[in-house]
Protein backbone atom coordinates (compact mmCIF):
# COMPACT_ATOMS: atom_id res chain seq x y z
CA UNK A 1 70.68 103.94 79.45
CA UNK A 2 72.07 102.71 82.84
CA UNK A 3 75.93 102.93 83.65
CA UNK A 4 77.31 99.17 83.72
CA UNK A 5 78.46 99.03 87.71
CA UNK A 6 81.22 96.08 88.49
CA UNK A 7 81.69 95.08 91.63
CA UNK A 8 84.71 94.00 93.32
CA UNK A 9 85.33 90.39 93.64
CA UNK A 10 85.12 89.91 97.48
CA UNK A 11 87.76 86.92 98.93
CA UNK A 12 87.07 84.63 102.52
CA UNK A 13 90.66 86.55 105.00
CA UNK A 14 92.85 83.80 105.89
CA UNK A 15 95.35 82.81 108.91
CA UNK A 16 98.70 81.92 108.51
CA UNK A 17 97.53 78.68 108.89
CA UNK A 18 95.03 78.51 106.38
CA UNK A 19 91.48 79.09 108.31
CA UNK A 20 88.76 81.49 107.33
CA UNK A 21 88.73 84.49 110.00
CA UNK A 22 85.21 85.27 109.40
CA UNK A 23 85.98 88.05 107.17
CA UNK A 24 85.70 89.00 103.84
CA UNK A 25 87.09 92.15 101.63
CA UNK A 26 87.73 93.70 98.41
CA UNK A 27 90.73 91.58 96.08
CA UNK A 28 92.03 95.23 96.32
CA UNK A 29 91.59 95.64 100.09
CA UNK A 30 93.52 92.15 100.31
CA UNK A 31 96.67 92.93 98.40
CA UNK A 32 97.15 96.74 99.94
CA UNK A 33 97.38 95.47 103.20
CA UNK A 34 98.90 92.13 102.78
CA UNK A 35 95.56 89.52 103.59
CA UNK A 36 96.39 85.60 103.12
CA UNK A 37 93.40 84.67 101.10
CA UNK A 38 93.47 81.59 98.82
CA UNK A 39 93.75 81.52 95.58
CA UNK A 40 93.46 77.74 92.40
CA UNK A 41 96.29 76.84 90.08
CA UNK A 42 95.18 74.21 87.24
CA UNK A 43 98.24 72.53 85.19
CA UNK A 44 97.07 71.31 82.13
CA UNK A 45 99.82 68.24 81.10
CA UNK A 46 99.59 66.26 78.46
CA UNK A 47 100.79 62.60 79.34
CA UNK A 48 101.39 61.73 75.82
CA UNK A 49 103.65 64.74 74.76
CA UNK A 50 105.54 65.31 77.88
CA UNK A 51 104.69 68.66 77.06
CA UNK A 52 102.61 71.39 79.43
CA UNK A 53 100.65 74.28 78.91
CA UNK A 54 101.31 77.31 79.83
CA UNK A 55 99.63 80.94 78.99
CA UNK A 56 100.88 85.05 78.89
CA UNK A 57 99.68 86.87 80.97
CA UNK A 58 97.98 89.69 79.62
CA UNK A 59 100.42 93.48 79.23
CA UNK A 60 97.07 95.32 81.68
CA UNK A 61 97.23 92.87 84.84
CA UNK A 62 98.41 94.55 87.12
CA UNK A 63 100.82 92.32 88.84
CA UNK A 64 103.20 90.07 86.61
CA UNK A 65 102.29 91.63 83.65
CA UNK A 66 103.32 89.54 80.07
CA UNK A 67 104.83 87.31 81.69
CA UNK A 68 104.54 83.23 81.30
CA UNK A 69 102.78 81.28 83.50
CA UNK A 70 101.13 78.49 84.21
CA UNK A 71 98.06 76.84 82.46
CA UNK A 72 95.00 78.50 84.62
CA UNK A 73 95.17 80.40 88.09
CA UNK A 74 93.16 82.77 90.10
CA UNK A 75 91.57 83.79 93.32
CA UNK A 76 89.28 81.99 95.73
CA UNK A 77 86.17 84.05 95.72
CA UNK A 78 84.84 84.72 99.36
CA UNK A 79 82.21 81.41 100.01
CA UNK A 80 84.00 79.72 96.94
CA UNK A 81 85.42 75.96 96.94
CA UNK A 82 88.81 75.25 95.41
CA UNK A 83 86.70 72.23 93.08
CA UNK A 84 84.56 74.60 92.46
CA UNK A 85 86.79 77.81 91.54
CA UNK A 86 89.19 75.00 89.16
């Protein structure tokens, strides 16, 4: 039986002004060296009740485990757009 190998997500590396450099790196490397990269955030707000949907981050997350967070957020994979990622 073959082992399942999960490939690490690759992110576009950006300049300080948000322009793509043409370089992609694994997520862990981008975070380790502090490269600029894109993320997307989706806020779910019910105008009728004035309620904002929040979520509690999983305890195993590598950043801010178990903390309250916005409705949905994440990295934008290399080559993807903000709209598609949202």
